[in-house]
Amino acid sequence: MKARAIVVTSGKGGVGKTTTTANLGAGLARLGEKVAVIDVDVGLRNLDVVMGLEGRVVFDLIDVLEGRAKVRQALIRDKRVENLYLLPASQTKDKEALDPVRFQELVRHLLEEEGFDRVLIDSPAGIEKGFQTAATPAEGALVVVNPEVASVRDADRIIGLLEAREIRENFLVINRLRPKMVSRGDMLSVEDVVEILGLKPIGIIPEDEQVLVSTNQGEPLVLKGTSPAAIAFMDTARRVHGEEVPFRNLDEAQGLMAVLRRLFGGR
């Protein structure tokens, strides 16, 4: 992706946005990028927990936007991987405290003055002010979707809002795919999701119990594991980084590889 400010979003909650943000941030940092991940889910704040950095939070996003702290005071550097930083959300404010103009200025400051190569913005679910603020500085988007009807329906609404904002470099991250359920016709296939939403996938993440384990331990899966989801998240980070990485065969029985070959011109 050419976009340097990327919003990670979805219509429906619970689809894996925060896990995706943490793993892609860590993966891009492993590839040599200087990455800031920003939690915009004000009032809930989960990204710091998923990354295992909750004990180091002193200042938060709202402190920076309202001038109580400088951005360098609020950024938390991850000690496990060089060049990965977190800007946490506030637990004590609500989304009304978000100022879209100031947030856009903050993201621009990180990219132009603090030397970050990439800013990943973990958006709240839904289409209200939290999403609107998170999308304001975005040049591209990763739409996280589960292969089930409610998630796809809500993702379609989000894609429309992104296009209305003229955010054009948008890709799907299809999360929690279960190939056996797809083969039985009990879950939407990758082909179904792509045809409904009209976006190319940049990541296809299989269901993997190690995701829950890593989340509970506060360590992004790409930093510790070789499980199927860890490999898929790292492959996704490499594609965002600009590498041509083939999709791995997840043994999906409904035309996955044929669909991807068609989408990506035979590669």
Protein backbone atom coordinates (compact mmCIF):
# COMPACT_ATOMS: atom_id res chain seq x y z
CA MET A 1 0.00 0.00 0.00
CA LYS A 2 1.17 3.48 -0.80
CA ALA A 3 -1.03 4.98 1.91
CA ARG A 4 0.95 5.97 4.99
CA ALA A 5 -2.06 6.80 7.19
CA ILE A 6 -4.29 3.71 7.23
CA VAL A 7 -7.53 3.30 9.15
CA VAL A 8 -8.33 -0.25 10.26
CA THR A 9 -12.09 -0.41 10.35
CA SER A 10 -15.26 -2.49 10.12
CA GLY A 11 -18.96 -1.95 10.50
CA LYS A 12 -19.52 -4.65 13.08
CA GLY A 13 -17.75 -4.93 16.42
CA GLY A 14 -15.85 -8.02 17.46
CA VAL A 15 -14.47 -8.93 14.05
CA GLY A 16 -10.79 -8.57 15.03
CA LYS A 17 -9.83 -4.97 14.18
CA THR A 18 -7.66 -4.45 17.25
CA THR A 19 -5.89 -7.79 16.85
CA THR A 20 -5.30 -6.98 13.19
CA THR A 21 -3.92 -3.52 14.03
CA ALA A 22 -1.54 -4.90 16.66
CA ASN A 23 -0.23 -7.69 14.43
CA LEU A 24 0.16 -5.57 11.31
CA GLY A 25 1.87 -2.83 13.30
CA ALA A 26 4.31 -5.34 14.76
CA GLY A 27 4.78 -7.03 11.40
CA LEU A 28 5.54 -3.77 9.57
CA ALA A 29 7.99 -2.81 12.33
CA ARG A 30 9.72 -6.16 11.88
CA LEU A 31 10.07 -5.28 8.20
CA GLY A 32 11.91 -2.08 9.11
CA GLU A 33 9.16 0.52 9.08
CA LYS A 34 8.76 3.03 11.90
CA VAL A 35 5.14 2.49 12.89
CA ALA A 36 2.70 4.27 15.20
CA VAL A 37 -0.52 2.50 16.09
CA ILE A 38 -3.26 4.74 17.47
CA ASP A 39 -6.27 3.53 19.46
CA VAL A 40 -9.25 5.77 18.69
CA ASP A 41 -11.77 3.63 20.58
CA VAL A 42 -12.13 6.26 23.30
CA GLY A 43 -13.87 5.02 26.43
CA LEU A 44 -13.00 1.35 25.89
CA ARG A 45 -9.26 1.15 25.06
CA ASN A 46 -8.13 -2.35 24.17
CA LEU A 47 -5.12 -1.94 21.89
CA ASP A 48 -2.74 -1.40 24.82
CA VAL A 49 -3.92 -4.66 26.41
CA VAL A 50 -3.56 -6.66 23.19
CA MET A 51 -0.02 -5.30 22.83
CA GLY A 52 0.85 -5.90 26.48
CA LEU A 53 1.57 -2.22 27.11
CA GLU A 54 -1.29 -1.31 29.46
CA GLY A 55 1.04 -0.99 32.46
CA ARG A 56 3.04 1.76 30.77
CA VAL A 57 0.19 4.15 29.88
CA VAL A 58 0.70 7.61 31.41
CA PHE A 59 -0.85 9.97 28.84
CA ASP A 60 -3.36 9.17 26.13
CA LEU A 61 -4.76 10.40 22.83
CA ILE A 62 -7.16 12.88 24.41
CA ASP A 63 -4.37 14.33 26.57
CA VAL A 64 -2.46 15.07 23.38
CA LEU A 65 -5.44 16.46 21.46
CA GLU A 66 -6.40 18.73 24.37
CA GLY A 67 -2.84 19.94 24.97
CA ARG A 68 -2.14 18.34 28.35
CA ALA A 69 0.73 16.27 26.94
CA LYS A 70 3.07 16.35 23.98
CA VAL A 71 2.87 13.51 21.52
CA ARG A 72 6.34 12.24 22.50
CA GLN A 73 5.19 12.00 26.12
CA ALA A 74 2.17 9.91 25.20
CA LEU A 75 3.80 7.55 22.69
CA ILE A 76 4.81 4.21 24.21
CA ARG A 77 7.71 2.42 22.54
CA ASP A 78 7.42 -1.33 22.33
CA LYS A 79 10.58 -2.85 23.80
CA ARG A 80 10.25 -6.12 21.88
CA VAL A 81 10.47 -4.75 18.36
CA GLU A 82 12.33 -1.67 17.20
CA ASN A 83 10.36 1.21 15.72
CA LEU A 84 6.90 0.23 17.03
CA TYR A 85 4.99 2.80 19.09
CA LEU A 86 1.50 2.97 20.61
CA LEU A 87 -0.66 6.01 21.27
CA PRO A 88 -3.41 4.70 23.58
CA ALA A 89 -7.01 5.83 23.82
CA SER A 90 -8.55 7.36 26.91
CA GLN A 91 -10.69 5.25 29.23
CA THR A 92 -12.26 8.19 31.03
CA LYS A 93 -13.54 10.27 28.12
CA ASP A 94 -16.13 9.53 25.46
CA LYS A 95 -15.97 9.83 21.69
CA GLU A 96 -17.37 13.37 21.84
CA ALA A 97 -13.93 14.45 23.10
CA LEU A 98 -12.42 13.61 19.71
CA ASP A 99 -11.64 16.60 17.51
CA PRO A 100 -11.28 15.47 13.86
CA VAL A 101 -9.23 18.52 12.86
CA ARG A 102 -6.75 18.14 15.71
CA PHE A 103 -6.56 14.40 15.08
CA GLN A 104 -5.71 15.00 11.43
CA GLU A 105 -3.01 17.44 12.49
CA LEU A 106 -1.63 14.86 14.93
CA VAL A 107 -1.34 12.16 12.27
CA ARG A 108 0.30 14.61 9.89
CA HIS A 109 2.75 15.58 12.65
CA LEU A 110 3.68 11.93 13.22
CA LEU A 111 4.35 11.35 9.52
CA GLU A 112 6.01 14.63 8.61
CA GLU A 113 7.84 15.70 11.76
CA GLU A 114 8.33 12.60 13.90
CA GLY A 115 9.60 10.46 11.04
CA PHE A 116 7.03 7.67 11.06
CA ASP A 117 6.72 5.61 7.91
CA ARG A 118 3.23 4.41 8.73
CA VAL A 119 0.37 5.26 11.07
CA LEU A 120 -2.25 2.57 11.71
CA ILE A 121 -5.50 3.90 13.18
CA ASP A 122 -7.61 1.41 15.13
CA SER A 123 -11.14 2.69 14.55
CA PRO A 124 -14.14 2.07 16.80
CA ALA A 125 -16.88 -0.11 15.35
CA GLY A 126 -19.87 1.56 13.78
CA ILE A 127 -20.30 4.70 11.72
CA GLU A 128 -20.63 7.38 14.37
CA LYS A 129 -18.18 10.10 15.45
CA GLY A 130 -15.41 7.71 16.47
CA PHE A 131 -15.23 6.23 12.98
CA GLN A 132 -15.60 9.62 11.34
CA THR A 133 -12.65 10.99 13.33
CA ALA A 134 -10.50 7.91 12.73
CA ALA A 135 -11.10 8.15 8.98
CA THR A 136 -10.41 11.89 8.70
CA PRO A 137 -6.61 11.66 8.15
CA ALA A 138 -6.68 8.28 6.38
CA GLU A 139 -5.24 7.82 2.90
CA GLY A 140 -6.23 4.15 2.79
CA ALA A 141 -8.22 1.60 4.73
CA LEU A 142 -8.14 -2.02 5.78
CA VAL A 143 -11.70 -3.27 6.18
CA VAL A 144 -11.72 -6.21 8.56
CA VAL A 145 -14.58 -8.60 7.90
CA ASN A 146 -15.61 -12.04 9.10
CA PRO A 147 -17.08 -14.37 6.46
CA GLU A 148 -20.62 -14.15 7.81
CA VAL A 149 -23.63 -12.21 6.62
CA ALA A 150 -23.95 -9.57 9.36
CA SER A 151 -20.26 -8.65 9.19
CA VAL A 152 -20.29 -8.42 5.39
CA ARG A 153 -23.44 -6.30 5.38
CA ASP A 154 -21.96 -3.82 7.84
CA ALA A 155 -18.62 -3.78 5.99
CA ASP A 156 -20.48 -2.81 2.80
CA ARG A 157 -21.82 0.28 4.58
CA ILE A 158 -18.33 1.22 5.77
CA ILE A 159 -16.87 0.84 2.28
CA GLY A 160 -19.51 3.24 0.98
CA LEU A 161 -18.56 5.80 3.63
CA LEU A 162 -14.85 5.43 2.81
CA GLU A 163 -15.54 6.02 -0.88
CA ALA A 164 -17.69 9.04 -0.04
CA ARG A 165 -14.65 10.45 1.77
CA GLU A 166 -12.57 9.73 -1.35
CA ILE A 167 -10.43 7.21 0.52
CA ARG A 168 -9.64 4.95 -2.40
CA GLU A 169 -6.79 2.59 -1.46
CA ASN A 170 -8.98 0.11 0.38
CA PHE A 171 -8.47 -3.61 0.93
CA LEU A 172 -10.17 -6.44 2.79
CA VAL A 173 -8.72 -8.41 5.66
CA ILE A 174 -10.91 -11.50 5.83
CA ASN A 175 -10.55 -12.76 9.38
CA ARG A 176 -11.46 -16.02 11.13
CA LEU A 177 -11.92 -18.08 8.00
CA ARG A 178 -12.80 -21.74 8.64
CA PRO A 179 -12.16 -23.71 5.45
CA LYS A 180 -14.08 -26.80 6.64
CA MET A 181 -17.18 -24.72 7.32
CA VAL A 182 -16.83 -23.11 3.89
CA SER A 183 -16.59 -26.52 2.24
CA ARG A 184 -19.82 -27.58 3.98
CA GLY A 185 -21.58 -24.41 2.87
CA ASP A 186 -21.92 -23.19 6.46
CA MET A 187 -19.72 -20.10 6.03
CA LEU A 188 -19.30 -17.55 3.26
CA SER A 189 -16.33 -18.27 1.02
CA VAL A 190 -13.64 -15.77 0.12
CA GLU A 191 -15.22 -15.60 -3.33
CA ASP A 192 -18.60 -14.72 -1.77
CA VAL A 193 -17.12 -11.94 0.37
CA VAL A 194 -15.07 -10.45 -2.47
CA GLU A 195 -17.97 -10.49 -4.92
CA ILE A 196 -20.35 -8.86 -2.44
CA LEU A 197 -17.97 -6.13 -1.28
CA GLY A 198 -16.02 -5.51 -4.47
CA LEU A 199 -12.63 -5.09 -2.80
CA LYS A 200 -9.50 -7.16 -3.18
CA PRO A 201 -8.25 -9.02 -0.12
CA ILE A 202 -4.82 -8.10 1.20
CA GLY A 203 -5.04 -10.60 4.04
CA ILE A 204 -6.88 -13.88 4.67
CA ILE A 205 -6.54 -14.97 8.28
CA PRO A 206 -7.68 -18.45 9.34
CA GLU A 207 -9.43 -19.16 12.63
CA ASP A 208 -6.66 -19.98 15.11
CA GLU A 209 -6.87 -20.51 18.87
CA GLN A 210 -3.39 -19.05 19.22
CA VAL A 211 -4.87 -15.61 18.49
CA LEU A 212 -6.79 -15.76 21.78
CA VAL A 213 -3.73 -17.06 23.61
CA SER A 214 -1.55 -14.23 22.30
CA THR A 215 -4.20 -11.62 23.09
CA ASN A 216 -4.48 -12.86 26.68
CA GLN A 217 -0.69 -12.79 27.00
CA GLY A 218 -0.42 -9.30 25.51
CA GLU A 219 1.97 -10.25 22.74
CA PRO A 220 1.14 -9.88 19.02
CA LEU A 221 1.16 -13.26 17.37
CA VAL A 222 3.68 -12.24 14.69
CA LEU A 223 6.30 -11.73 17.43
CA LYS A 224 6.05 -15.16 18.98
CA GLY A 225 4.40 -17.78 16.83
CA THR A 226 4.44 -19.84 13.66
CA SER A 227 0.78 -20.79 13.83
CA PRO A 228 -1.40 -20.38 10.72
CA ALA A 229 -2.73 -16.98 11.84
CA ALA A 230 0.75 -15.73 12.74
CA ILE A 231 1.99 -16.61 9.26
CA ALA A 232 -1.09 -15.06 7.63
CA PHE A 233 -0.75 -11.81 9.60
CA MET A 234 2.94 -11.56 8.68
CA ASP A 235 2.13 -12.24 5.02
CA THR A 236 -0.45 -9.46 5.20
CA ALA A 237 2.09 -7.05 6.67
CA ARG A 238 4.48 -7.90 3.85
CA ARG A 239 1.79 -7.12 1.27
CA VAL A 240 1.03 -3.79 2.94
CA HIS A 241 4.78 -3.14 2.93
CA GLY A 242 4.79 -3.60 -0.84
CA GLU A 243 5.97 -7.17 -1.34
CA GLU A 244 4.28 -9.59 -3.71
CA VAL A 245 3.36 -12.47 -1.43
CA PRO A 246 1.21 -15.33 -2.76
CA PHE A 247 -1.77 -16.38 -0.70
CA ARG A 248 -1.26 -19.71 1.01
CA ASN A 249 -3.58 -22.60 0.27
CA LEU A 250 -5.99 -22.82 3.20
CA ASP A 251 -7.69 -25.87 1.65
CA GLU A 252 -10.82 -23.91 1.01
CA ALA A 253 -13.05 -25.95 -1.24
CA GLN A 254 -14.93 -23.13 -2.97
CA GLY A 255 -12.48 -21.71 -5.44
CA LEU A 256 -10.20 -19.61 -3.26
CA MET A 257 -7.06 -20.02 -5.32
CA ALA A 258 -8.90 -19.51 -8.60
CA VAL A 259 -10.50 -16.33 -7.26
CA LEU A 260 -7.17 -14.94 -6.11
CA ARG A 261 -5.48 -15.76 -9.39
CA ARG A 262 -8.24 -13.89 -11.20
CA LEU A 263 -8.07 -10.92 -8.83
CA PHE A 264 -4.30 -10.60 -9.02
CA GLY A 265 -3.84 -11.16 -12.73
CA GLY A 266 -2.69 -14.77 -12.72
CA ARG A 267 0.07 -14.44 -10.10
